[in-house]
Amino acid sequence: MVEQHTGATRWTVTSVLEWTENHFKRICIPTPRLDAESLLAHCLNADRPHLFLNPDRPLTSEEMARYREFIHRRAMREPVALITGQKEFRSIRFQIVPGVLIPRPETEILVEAVLQEIHGQAAPRILEIGTGSGAVAVALASEAPDASVVATDIDPLPLTIASFNAKDAGAAKSISFLASDLFGAVRRSITFDVICSNPPWVPRGVVPTMPREINYFEPFLALDGGRDGLDVIRRIAEEARNYLRPGGALILQIGDGQNEAVRDIFASLGGLTEIRTFGDPAGTPRVVRGRL
């Protein structure tokens, strides 16, 4: 991107968005207009509606310099959430840093499945395995304020970020964060109404073939599901029965093509019944639930 020359002609919101959208299209960025708008809004310390309401607003030289840096980073396939340091999930803004998995829209289906499971229960207890940014735990605590949530992660960095996000969302009183490898540090004397997780479910050999946004910038530990992508799911299903109350539910997010395999794991290893699949709007299975 170069400065427009001569006279008073300057980059405006409209012109810079058009240039960036076309540039991102040329280099095959999947969502060129959305990314351009998100980066520019962050650059201007505004929201996207501000851009639509101020199309002729000129950018200062300092803003242009900052926006050029954002364009360069996105061109290198750095995710928008890492450039801006934030990601919205269920209308809550989460801080995002390198080393913490970025929340995805599909994970909202996991939240919805848990909310459906605990609907009508008094003071339900929820255990989330692998909390990452805390998106699931914070969303559940915010939307089900009478619930108590224990959220674990093996890595101290996500736990720090998740704790910050919980405080920032006003949900910290309902969530206990725990450093744990799956169930390792969870007390056996406590049982839960729901155990949920978006576990690592990508087959190890597939991770290097994924888009650079994922295989270079996302934490490998949060992606690697072992040889067939099901190693962590098997471990969770096998151990969950020790931490679920009778009638409690295990609810896991899954990858493409894993529905039948995960349902079999639930029935065989977990001894779970009433197994149900939740799909996205396109009908793709995204979440599996089973009851003890």
C-alpha atoms as a PDB file:
ATOM      1  CA  MET A   1       0.000   0.000   0.000  1.00  0.00           C
ATOM      2  CA  VAL A   2       1.369   3.397  -0.927  1.00  0.00           C
ATOM      3  CA  GLU A   3       0.154   6.867  -0.062  1.00  0.00           C
ATOM      4  CA  GLN A   4      -2.057   8.507  -2.629  1.00  0.00           C
ATOM      5  CA  HIS A   5      -0.119  11.357  -4.207  1.00  0.00           C
ATOM      6  CA  THR A   6      -0.839  15.013  -4.941  1.00  0.00           C
ATOM      7  CA  GLY A   7      -2.868  17.625  -3.181  1.00  0.00           C
ATOM      8  CA  ALA A   8      -5.308  16.902  -0.417  1.00  0.00           C
ATOM      9  CA  THR A   9      -6.258  13.419  -1.623  1.00  0.00           C
ATOM     10  CA  ARG A  10      -5.904  11.039   1.307  1.00  0.00           C
ATOM     11  CA  TRP A  11      -6.839   7.538   2.295  1.00  0.00           C
ATOM     12  CA  THR A  12     -10.352   7.389   3.689  1.00  0.00           C
ATOM     13  CA  VAL A  13     -12.241   4.568   5.401  1.00  0.00           C
ATOM     14  CA  THR A  14     -13.896   3.623   2.107  1.00  0.00           C
ATOM     15  CA  SER A  15     -10.789   3.759  -0.065  1.00  0.00           C
ATOM     16  CA  VAL A  16      -8.585   1.874   2.368  1.00  0.00           C
ATOM     17  CA  LEU A  17     -11.194  -0.840   2.853  1.00  0.00           C
ATOM     18  CA  GLU A  18     -11.595  -1.284  -0.886  1.00  0.00           C
ATOM     19  CA  TRP A  19      -7.836  -1.514  -1.398  1.00  0.00           C
ATOM     20  CA  THR A  20      -7.415  -3.990   1.458  1.00  0.00           C
ATOM     21  CA  GLU A  21     -10.333  -6.160   0.370  1.00  0.00           C
ATOM     22  CA  ASN A  22      -8.906  -6.435  -3.148  1.00  0.00           C
ATOM     23  CA  HIS A  23      -5.417  -7.160  -1.801  1.00  0.00           C
ATOM     24  CA  PHE A  24      -6.718  -9.895   0.479  1.00  0.00           C
ATOM     25  CA  LYS A  25      -8.688 -11.395  -2.415  1.00  0.00           C
ATOM     26  CA  ARG A  26      -5.539 -11.523  -4.536  1.00  0.00           C
ATOM     27  CA  ILE A  27      -3.663 -13.466  -1.865  1.00  0.00           C
ATOM     28  CA  CYS A  28      -6.650 -15.750  -1.142  1.00  0.00           C
ATOM     29  CA  ILE A  29      -7.553 -14.612   2.363  1.00  0.00           C
ATOM     30  CA  PRO A  30     -10.839 -16.491   3.012  1.00  0.00           C
ATOM     31  CA  THR A  31     -12.886 -13.553   4.365  1.00  0.00           C
ATOM     32  CA  PRO A  32     -11.292 -10.470   2.791  1.00  0.00           C
ATOM     33  CA  ARG A  33     -13.926  -7.815   3.522  1.00  0.00           C
ATOM     34  CA  LEU A  34     -14.646  -8.952   7.071  1.00  0.00           C
ATOM     35  CA  ASP A  35     -10.941  -9.086   7.906  1.00  0.00           C
ATOM     36  CA  ALA A  36     -10.315  -5.656   6.385  1.00  0.00           C
ATOM     37  CA  GLU A  37     -13.155  -4.133   8.402  1.00  0.00           C
ATOM     38  CA  SER A  38     -12.183  -5.867  11.651  1.00  0.00           C
ATOM     39  CA  LEU A  39      -8.564  -4.739  11.373  1.00  0.00           C
ATOM     40  CA  LEU A  40      -9.456  -1.170  10.446  1.00  0.00           C
ATOM     41  CA  ALA A  41     -11.986  -0.861  13.253  1.00  0.00           C
ATOM     42  CA  HIS A  42      -9.346  -2.067  15.719  1.00  0.00           C
ATOM     43  CA  CYS A  43      -6.815   0.326  14.238  1.00  0.00           C
ATOM     44  CA  LEU A  44      -9.219   3.231  14.787  1.00  0.00           C
ATOM     45  CA  ASN A  45     -10.233   2.042  18.289  1.00  0.00           C
ATOM     46  CA  ALA A  46     -13.805   1.806  17.035  1.00  0.00           C
ATOM     47  CA  ASP A  47     -16.344  -0.833  16.083  1.00  0.00           C
ATOM     48  CA  ARG A  48     -17.369  -1.910  12.590  1.00  0.00           C
ATOM     49  CA  PRO A  49     -20.600   0.175  12.543  1.00  0.00           C
ATOM     50  CA  HIS A  50     -18.378   3.240  13.010  1.00  0.00           C
ATOM     51  CA  LEU A  51     -16.822   2.468   9.622  1.00  0.00           C
ATOM     52  CA  PHE A  52     -20.197   2.361   7.889  1.00  0.00           C
ATOM     53  CA  LEU A  53     -21.254   5.630   9.522  1.00  0.00           C
ATOM     54  CA  ASN A  54     -18.019   7.444   8.628  1.00  0.00           C
ATOM     55  CA  PRO A  55     -17.069   6.282   5.117  1.00  0.00           C
ATOM     56  CA  ASP A  56     -15.259   9.506   4.195  1.00  0.00           C
ATOM     57  CA  ARG A  57     -13.247   9.812   7.390  1.00  0.00           C
ATOM     58  CA  PRO A  58      -9.560  10.337   6.456  1.00  0.00           C
ATOM     59  CA  LEU A  59      -6.877   8.298   8.179  1.00  0.00           C
ATOM     60  CA  THR A  60      -3.952  10.022   9.850  1.00  0.00           C
ATOM     61  CA  SER A  61      -0.411   9.042   8.935  1.00  0.00           C
ATOM     62  CA  GLU A  62      -0.087   7.258  12.286  1.00  0.00           C
ATOM     63  CA  GLU A  63      -3.268   5.270  11.656  1.00  0.00           C
ATOM     64  CA  MET A  64      -2.081   4.361   8.170  1.00  0.00           C
ATOM     65  CA  ALA A  65       1.233   3.109   9.518  1.00  0.00           C
ATOM     66  CA  ARG A  66      -0.536   0.956  12.084  1.00  0.00           C
ATOM     67  CA  TYR A  67      -3.019  -0.379   9.543  1.00  0.00           C
ATOM     68  CA  ARG A  68      -0.211  -1.276   7.105  1.00  0.00           C
ATOM     69  CA  GLU A  69       1.352  -3.370   9.864  1.00  0.00           C
ATOM     70  CA  PHE A  70      -1.978  -5.160  10.423  1.00  0.00           C
ATOM     71  CA  ILE A  71      -2.334  -5.844   6.677  1.00  0.00           C
ATOM     72  CA  HIS A  72       1.172  -7.286   6.536  1.00  0.00           C
ATOM     73  CA  ARG A  73       0.562  -9.556   9.506  1.00  0.00           C
ATOM     74  CA  ARG A  74      -2.728 -10.820   8.056  1.00  0.00           C
ATOM     75  CA  ALA A  75      -1.029 -11.379   4.692  1.00  0.00           C
ATOM     76  CA  MET A  76       1.377 -13.679   6.562  1.00  0.00           C
ATOM     77  CA  ARG A  77      -1.763 -15.580   7.658  1.00  0.00           C
ATOM     78  CA  GLU A  78      -1.685 -14.455  11.273  1.00  0.00           C
ATOM     79  CA  PRO A  79      -5.286 -14.763  12.541  1.00  0.00           C
ATOM     80  CA  VAL A  80      -7.230 -11.549  13.009  1.00  0.00           C
ATOM     81  CA  ALA A  81      -7.870 -12.488  16.657  1.00  0.00           C
ATOM     82  CA  LEU A  82      -4.126 -12.544  17.386  1.00  0.00           C
ATOM     83  CA  ILE A  83      -3.565  -9.235  15.589  1.00  0.00           C
ATOM     84  CA  THR A  84      -6.340  -7.508  17.509  1.00  0.00           C
ATOM     85  CA  GLY A  85      -5.806  -9.511  20.700  1.00  0.00           C
ATOM     86  CA  GLN A  86      -9.505 -10.242  21.056  1.00  0.00           C
ATOM     87  CA  LYS A  87     -12.323 -12.468  19.829  1.00  0.00           C
ATOM     88  CA  GLU A  88     -16.063 -12.272  20.372  1.00  0.00           C
ATOM     89  CA  PHE A  89     -17.850 -15.455  21.467  1.00  0.00           C
ATOM     90  CA  ARG A  90     -21.552 -15.474  22.327  1.00  0.00           C
ATOM     91  CA  SER A  91     -21.520 -11.670  22.515  1.00  0.00           C
ATOM     92  CA  ILE A  92     -18.665 -11.677  25.053  1.00  0.00           C
ATOM     93  CA  ARG A  93     -15.274 -10.228  24.140  1.00  0.00           C
ATOM     94  CA  PHE A  94     -12.327 -12.450  25.069  1.00  0.00           C
ATOM     95  CA  GLN A  95      -8.660 -11.567  25.275  1.00  0.00           C
ATOM     96  CA  ILE A  96      -6.598 -13.780  22.963  1.00  0.00           C
ATOM     97  CA  VAL A  97      -2.817 -14.275  23.014  1.00  0.00           C
ATOM     98  CA  PRO A  98      -0.421 -16.597  21.166  1.00  0.00           C
ATOM     99  CA  GLY A  99      -0.485 -20.053  22.726  1.00  0.00           C
ATOM    100  CA  VAL A 100      -4.226 -20.003  23.459  1.00  0.00           C
ATOM    101  CA  LEU A 101      -6.756 -21.604  21.110  1.00  0.00           C
ATOM    102  CA  ILE A 102      -8.990 -19.053  19.383  1.00  0.00           C
ATOM    103  CA  PRO A 103     -12.719 -19.706  20.034  1.00  0.00           C
ATOM    104  CA  ARG A 104     -14.671 -20.858  16.973  1.00  0.00           C
ATOM    105  CA  PRO A 105     -18.357 -20.354  16.123  1.00  0.00           C
ATOM    106  CA  GLU A 106     -18.880 -24.141  16.090  1.00  0.00           C
ATOM    107  CA  THR A 107     -18.073 -24.259  19.789  1.00  0.00           C
ATOM    108  CA  GLU A 108     -21.239 -22.270  20.461  1.00  0.00           C
ATOM    109  CA  ILE A 109     -23.070 -25.522  19.685  1.00  0.00           C
ATOM    110  CA  LEU A 110     -21.235 -27.115  22.622  1.00  0.00           C
ATOM    111  CA  VAL A 111     -22.414 -24.294  24.888  1.00  0.00           C
ATOM    112  CA  GLU A 112     -25.974 -24.633  23.637  1.00  0.00           C
ATOM    113  CA  ALA A 113     -25.964 -28.381  24.250  1.00  0.00           C
ATOM    114  CA  VAL A 114     -24.785 -27.884  27.839  1.00  0.00           C
ATOM    115  CA  LEU A 115     -27.376 -25.178  28.482  1.00  0.00           C
ATOM    116  CA  GLN A 116     -30.081 -27.465  27.160  1.00  0.00           C
ATOM    117  CA  GLU A 117     -28.852 -30.271  29.412  1.00  0.00           C
ATOM    118  CA  ILE A 118     -28.922 -28.199  32.612  1.00  0.00           C
ATOM    119  CA  HIS A 119     -32.155 -26.351  31.832  1.00  0.00           C
ATOM    120  CA  GLY A 120     -34.432 -26.493  34.859  1.00  0.00           C
ATOM    121  CA  GLN A 121     -31.758 -27.924  37.186  1.00  0.00           C
ATOM    122  CA  ALA A 122     -31.092 -26.175  40.470  1.00  0.00           C
ATOM    123  CA  ALA A 123     -27.460 -25.079  40.928  1.00  0.00           C
ATOM    124  CA  PRO A 124     -25.955 -27.462  38.352  1.00  0.00           C
ATOM    125  CA  ARG A 125     -22.277 -28.368  38.577  1.00  0.00           C
ATOM    126  CA  ILE A 126     -20.264 -28.287  35.337  1.00  0.00           C
ATOM    127  CA  LEU A 127     -16.726 -29.471  34.631  1.00  0.00           C
ATOM    128  CA  GLU A 128     -14.995 -28.184  31.511  1.00  0.00           C
ATOM    129  CA  ILE A 129     -11.868 -30.041  30.379  1.00  0.00           C
ATOM    130  CA  GLY A 130      -9.351 -27.896  28.465  1.00  0.00           C
ATOM    131  CA  THR A 131     -10.735 -24.405  28.948  1.00  0.00           C
ATOM    132  CA  GLY A 132      -8.285 -22.511  26.698  1.00  0.00           C
ATOM    133  CA  SER A 133      -9.372 -18.864  26.615  1.00  0.00           C
ATOM    134  CA  GLY A 134     -12.220 -19.680  29.002  1.00  0.00           C
ATOM    135  CA  ALA A 135     -14.831 -19.029  26.303  1.00  0.00           C
ATOM    136  CA  VAL A 136     -17.045 -22.021  27.143  1.00  0.00           C
ATOM    137  CA  ALA A 137     -16.766 -21.688  30.914  1.00  0.00           C
ATOM    138  CA  VAL A 138     -17.410 -17.935  30.878  1.00  0.00           C
ATOM    139  CA  ALA A 139     -20.334 -18.258  28.461  1.00  0.00           C
ATOM    140  CA  LEU A 140     -21.925 -20.951  30.622  1.00  0.00           C
ATOM    141  CA  ALA A 141     -21.411 -18.991  33.836  1.00  0.00           C
ATOM    142  CA  SER A 142     -22.841 -15.872  32.194  1.00  0.00           C
ATOM    143  CA  GLU A 143     -25.902 -17.567  30.687  1.00  0.00           C
ATOM    144  CA  ALA A 144     -26.581 -19.910  33.610  1.00  0.00           C
ATOM    145  CA  PRO A 145     -25.678 -17.745  36.622  1.00  0.00           C
ATOM    146  CA  ASP A 146     -26.855 -20.335  39.158  1.00  0.00           C
ATOM    147  CA  ALA A 147     -24.370 -22.897  37.801  1.00  0.00           C
ATOM    148  CA  SER A 148     -20.944 -23.527  39.291  1.00  0.00           C
ATOM    149  CA  VAL A 149     -18.161 -24.325  36.840  1.00  0.00           C
ATOM    150  CA  VAL A 150     -14.783 -25.987  37.313  1.00  0.00           C
ATOM    151  CA  ALA A 151     -12.538 -25.344  34.299  1.00  0.00           C
ATOM    152  CA  THR A 152      -9.248 -27.186  33.797  1.00  0.00           C
ATOM    153  CA  ASP A 153      -6.259 -26.870  31.513  1.00  0.00           C
ATOM    154  CA  ILE A 154      -2.869 -28.544  31.455  1.00  0.00           C
ATOM    155  CA  ASP A 155      -1.112 -25.319  30.381  1.00  0.00           C
ATOM    156  CA  PRO A 156      -0.745 -22.410  32.833  1.00  0.00           C
ATOM    157  CA  LEU A 157      -0.932 -19.761  30.078  1.00  0.00           C
ATOM    158  CA  PRO A 158      -4.552 -20.517  29.073  1.00  0.00           C
ATOM    159  CA  LEU A 159      -5.535 -20.649  32.735  1.00  0.00           C
ATOM    160  CA  THR A 160      -4.120 -17.148  33.255  1.00  0.00           C
ATOM    161  CA  ILE A 161      -5.948 -15.795  30.194  1.00  0.00           C
ATOM    162  CA  ALA A 162      -9.168 -17.625  31.086  1.00  0.00           C
ATOM    163  CA  SER A 163      -9.076 -16.207  34.610  1.00  0.00           C
ATOM    164  CA  PHE A 164      -8.637 -12.685  33.222  1.00  0.00           C
ATOM    165  CA  ASN A 165     -11.513 -13.199  30.790  1.00  0.00           C
ATOM    166  CA  ALA A 166     -13.776 -14.485  33.553  1.00  0.00           C
ATOM    167  CA  LYS A 167     -13.073 -11.405  35.676  1.00  0.00           C
ATOM    168  CA  ASP A 168     -13.521  -9.104  32.703  1.00  0.00           C
ATOM    169  CA  ALA A 169     -16.931 -10.668  31.951  1.00  0.00           C
ATOM    170  CA  GLY A 170     -18.036 -10.523  35.584  1.00  0.00           C
ATOM    171  CA  ALA A 171     -18.244 -14.316  35.798  1.00  0.00           C
ATOM    172  CA  ALA A 172     -15.273 -15.088  38.033  1.00  0.00           C
ATOM    173  CA  LYS A 173     -17.340 -15.905  41.146  1.00  0.00           C
ATOM    174  CA  SER A 174     -18.979 -18.848  39.385  1.00  0.00           C
ATOM    175  CA  ILE A 175     -15.806 -20.426  37.963  1.00  0.00           C
ATOM    176  CA  SER A 176     -12.918 -22.262  39.609  1.00  0.00           C
ATOM    177  CA  PHE A 177      -9.858 -22.698  37.400  1.00  0.00           C
ATOM    178  CA  LEU A 178      -7.674 -25.748  37.960  1.00  0.00           C
ATOM    179  CA  ALA A 179      -4.322 -26.816  36.502  1.00  0.00           C
ATOM    180  CA  SER A 180      -4.910 -30.407  35.482  1.00  0.00           C
ATOM    181  CA  ASP A 181      -4.134 -32.973  32.804  1.00  0.00           C
ATOM    182  CA  LEU A 182      -7.746 -33.898  32.005  1.00  0.00           C
ATOM    183  CA  PHE A 183      -9.153 -35.228  35.313  1.00  0.00           C
ATOM    184  CA  GLY A 184      -5.785 -35.599  37.055  1.00  0.00           C
ATOM    185  CA  ALA A 185      -6.259 -32.853  39.663  1.00  0.00           C
ATOM    186  CA  VAL A 186     -10.061 -33.086  39.956  1.00  0.00           C
ATOM    187  CA  ARG A 187     -11.199 -34.468  43.307  1.00  0.00           C
ATOM    188  CA  ARG A 188     -12.921 -37.847  42.997  1.00  0.00           C
ATOM    189  CA  SER A 189     -15.287 -36.916  45.820  1.00  0.00           C
ATOM    190  CA  ILE A 190     -17.033 -34.330  43.609  1.00  0.00           C
ATOM    191  CA  THR A 191     -19.490 -35.312  40.884  1.00  0.00           C
ATOM    192  CA  PHE A 192     -20.889 -33.146  38.125  1.00  0.00           C
ATOM    193  CA  ASP A 193     -24.147 -32.767  36.268  1.00  0.00           C
ATOM    194  CA  VAL A 194     -22.260 -32.118  33.038  1.00  0.00           C
ATOM    195  CA  ILE A 195     -18.705 -32.702  31.864  1.00  0.00           C
ATOM    196  CA  CYS A 196     -17.952 -30.877  28.625  1.00  0.00           C
ATOM    197  CA  SER A 197     -14.949 -30.252  26.418  1.00  0.00           C
ATOM    198  CA  ASN A 198     -13.732 -29.130  23.037  1.00  0.00           C
ATOM    199  CA  PRO A 199     -10.808 -31.566  23.148  1.00  0.00           C
ATOM    200  CA  PRO A 200      -7.949 -31.928  20.658  1.00  0.00           C
ATOM    201  CA  TRP A 201      -9.554 -33.941  17.841  1.00  0.00           C
ATOM    202  CA  VAL A 202      -7.350 -33.356  14.778  1.00  0.00           C
ATOM    203  CA  PRO A 203      -5.409 -36.453  13.613  1.00  0.00           C
ATOM    204  CA  ARG A 204      -1.725 -35.775  14.221  1.00  0.00           C
ATOM    205  CA  GLY A 205      -0.745 -36.287  10.592  1.00  0.00           C
ATOM    206  CA  VAL A 206      -3.373 -33.805   9.439  1.00  0.00           C
ATOM    207  CA  VAL A 207      -2.159 -30.886  11.573  1.00  0.00           C
ATOM    208  CA  PRO A 208       0.762 -29.952   9.241  1.00  0.00           C
ATOM    209  CA  THR A 209      -1.604 -29.873   6.250  1.00  0.00           C
ATOM    210  CA  MET A 210      -4.032 -27.411   7.830  1.00  0.00           C
ATOM    211  CA  PRO A 211      -4.107 -23.700   6.865  1.00  0.00           C
ATOM    212  CA  ARG A 212      -1.179 -21.656   8.180  1.00  0.00           C
ATOM    213  CA  GLU A 213      -3.597 -19.728  10.413  1.00  0.00           C
ATOM    214  CA  ILE A 214      -4.017 -22.985  12.337  1.00  0.00           C
ATOM    215  CA  ASN A 215      -0.916 -25.145  12.018  1.00  0.00           C
ATOM    216  CA  TYR A 216       1.521 -22.265  12.597  1.00  0.00           C
ATOM    217  CA  PHE A 217      -0.331 -19.910  14.938  1.00  0.00           C
ATOM    218  CA  GLU A 218      -2.541 -22.193  17.057  1.00  0.00           C
ATOM    219  CA  PRO A 219      -1.105 -24.275  19.952  1.00  0.00           C
ATOM    220  CA  PHE A 220      -0.279 -27.802  18.762  1.00  0.00           C
ATOM    221  CA  LEU A 221      -1.330 -29.278  22.104  1.00  0.00           C
ATOM    222  CA  ALA A 222      -4.867 -27.978  21.588  1.00  0.00           C
ATOM    223  CA  LEU A 223      -5.090 -29.581  18.129  1.00  0.00           C
ATOM    224  CA  ASP A 224      -3.275 -32.920  18.350  1.00  0.00           C
ATOM    225  CA  GLY A 225      -5.750 -35.755  18.894  1.00  0.00           C
ATOM    226  CA  GLY A 226      -3.246 -38.533  18.270  1.00  0.00           C
ATOM    227  CA  ARG A 227      -3.007 -40.900  15.330  1.00  0.00           C
ATOM    228  CA  ASP A 228      -6.729 -40.977  14.536  1.00  0.00           C
ATOM    229  CA  GLY A 229      -7.759 -37.784  16.329  1.00  0.00           C
ATOM    230  CA  LEU A 230      -9.621 -39.694  19.034  1.00  0.00           C
ATOM    231  CA  ASP A 231      -6.967 -40.307  21.716  1.00  0.00           C
ATOM    232  CA  VAL A 232      -8.093 -37.542  24.089  1.00  0.00           C
ATOM    233  CA  ILE A 233     -11.764 -38.270  23.449  1.00  0.00           C
ATOM    234  CA  ARG A 234     -11.180 -41.891  24.481  1.00  0.00           C
ATOM    235  CA  ARG A 235      -9.441 -40.805  27.685  1.00  0.00           C
ATOM    236  CA  ILE A 236     -12.206 -38.392  28.607  1.00  0.00           C
ATOM    237  CA  ALA A 237     -14.973 -40.910  27.865  1.00  0.00           C
ATOM    238  CA  GLU A 238     -13.276 -43.633  29.906  1.00  0.00           C
ATOM    239  CA  GLU A 239     -12.664 -41.446  32.967  1.00  0.00           C
ATOM    240  CA  ALA A 240     -15.806 -39.311  32.900  1.00  0.00           C
ATOM    241  CA  ARG A 241     -18.010 -41.932  34.597  1.00  0.00           C
ATOM    242  CA  ASN A 242     -15.938 -41.491  37.780  1.00  0.00           C
ATOM    243  CA  TYR A 243     -16.909 -37.808  37.948  1.00  0.00           C
ATOM    244  CA  LEU A 244     -20.510 -37.785  36.689  1.00  0.00           C
ATOM    245  CA  ARG A 245     -23.489 -38.092  38.975  1.00  0.00           C
ATOM    246  CA  PRO A 246     -26.074 -40.717  37.936  1.00  0.00           C
ATOM    247  CA  GLY A 247     -27.935 -39.231  35.005  1.00  0.00           C
ATOM    248  CA  GLY A 248     -25.143 -36.753  34.354  1.00  0.00           C
ATOM    249  CA  ALA A 249     -24.016 -36.019  30.811  1.00  0.00           C
ATOM    250  CA  LEU A 250     -20.727 -36.010  28.925  1.00  0.00           C
ATOM    251  CA  ILE A 251     -20.821 -33.499  26.048  1.00  0.00           C
ATOM    252  CA  LEU A 252     -17.907 -33.222  23.613  1.00  0.00           C
ATOM    253  CA  GLN A 253     -17.193 -31.254  20.471  1.00  0.00           C
ATOM    254  CA  ILE A 254     -15.971 -33.459  17.610  1.00  0.00           C
ATOM    255  CA  GLY A 255     -14.293 -33.141  14.228  1.00  0.00           C
ATOM    256  CA  ASP A 256     -15.637 -33.807  10.761  1.00  0.00           C
ATOM    257  CA  GLY A 257     -16.389 -37.480  10.154  1.00  0.00           C
ATOM    258  CA  GLN A 258     -15.969 -38.501  13.805  1.00  0.00           C
ATOM    259  CA  ASN A 259     -19.628 -38.792  14.803  1.00  0.00           C
ATOM    260  CA  GLU A 260     -20.066 -42.566  14.556  1.00  0.00           C
ATOM    261  CA  ALA A 261     -16.659 -43.326  16.085  1.00  0.00           C
ATOM    262  CA  VAL A 262     -17.311 -41.028  19.056  1.00  0.00           C
ATOM    263  CA  ARG A 263     -20.778 -42.486  19.599  1.00  0.00           C
ATOM    264  CA  ASP A 264     -19.183 -45.961  19.703  1.00  0.00           C
ATOM    265  CA  ILE A 265     -16.550 -44.728  22.182  1.00  0.00           C
ATOM    266  CA  PHE A 266     -19.258 -43.286  24.422  1.00  0.00           C
ATOM    267  CA  ALA A 267     -21.197 -46.552  24.445  1.00  0.00           C
ATOM    268  CA  SER A 268     -18.235 -48.915  24.836  1.00  0.00           C
ATOM    269  CA  LEU A 269     -15.645 -47.096  26.949  1.00  0.00           C
ATOM    270  CA  GLY A 270     -17.867 -44.688  28.830  1.00  0.00           C
ATOM    271  CA  GLY A 271     -20.891 -46.900  29.360  1.00  0.00           C
ATOM    272  CA  LEU A 272     -23.014 -43.933  28.281  1.00  0.00           C
ATOM    273  CA  THR A 273     -26.542 -44.145  26.921  1.00  0.00           C
ATOM    274  CA  GLU A 274     -29.117 -41.763  25.406  1.00  0.00           C
ATOM    275  CA  ILE A 275     -26.421 -40.725  22.960  1.00  0.00           C
ATOM    276  CA  ARG A 276     -27.360 -37.728  20.836  1.00  0.00           C
ATOM    277  CA  THR A 277     -25.614 -35.699  18.138  1.00  0.00           C
ATOM    278  CA  PHE A 278     -25.941 -31.930  17.723  1.00  0.00           C
ATOM    279  CA  GLY A 279     -25.288 -30.510  14.255  1.00  0.00           C
ATOM    280  CA  ASP A 280     -24.524 -27.070  12.877  1.00  0.00           C
ATOM    281  CA  PRO A 281     -26.984 -25.219  10.587  1.00  0.00           C
ATOM    282  CA  ALA A 282     -25.605 -27.176   7.611  1.00  0.00           C
ATOM    283  CA  GLY A 283     -26.318 -30.459   9.376  1.00  0.00           C
ATOM    284  CA  THR A 284     -22.674 -31.337  10.062  1.00  0.00           C
ATOM    285  CA  PRO A 285     -22.307 -33.191  13.402  1.00  0.00           C
ATOM    286  CA  ARG A 286     -20.370 -30.981  15.821  1.00  0.00           C
ATOM    287  CA  VAL A 287     -21.204 -32.236  19.332  1.00  0.00           C
ATOM    288  CA  VAL A 288     -22.005 -35.603  20.892  1.00  0.00           C
ATOM    289  CA  ARG A 289     -23.798 -36.079  24.211  1.00  0.00           C
ATOM    290  CA  GLY A 290     -24.173 -39.223  26.288  1.00  0.00           C
ATOM    291  CA  ARG A 291     -25.700 -39.801  29.728  1.00  0.00           C
ATOM    292  CA  LEU A 292     -24.427 -41.985  32.537  1.00  0.00           C
END
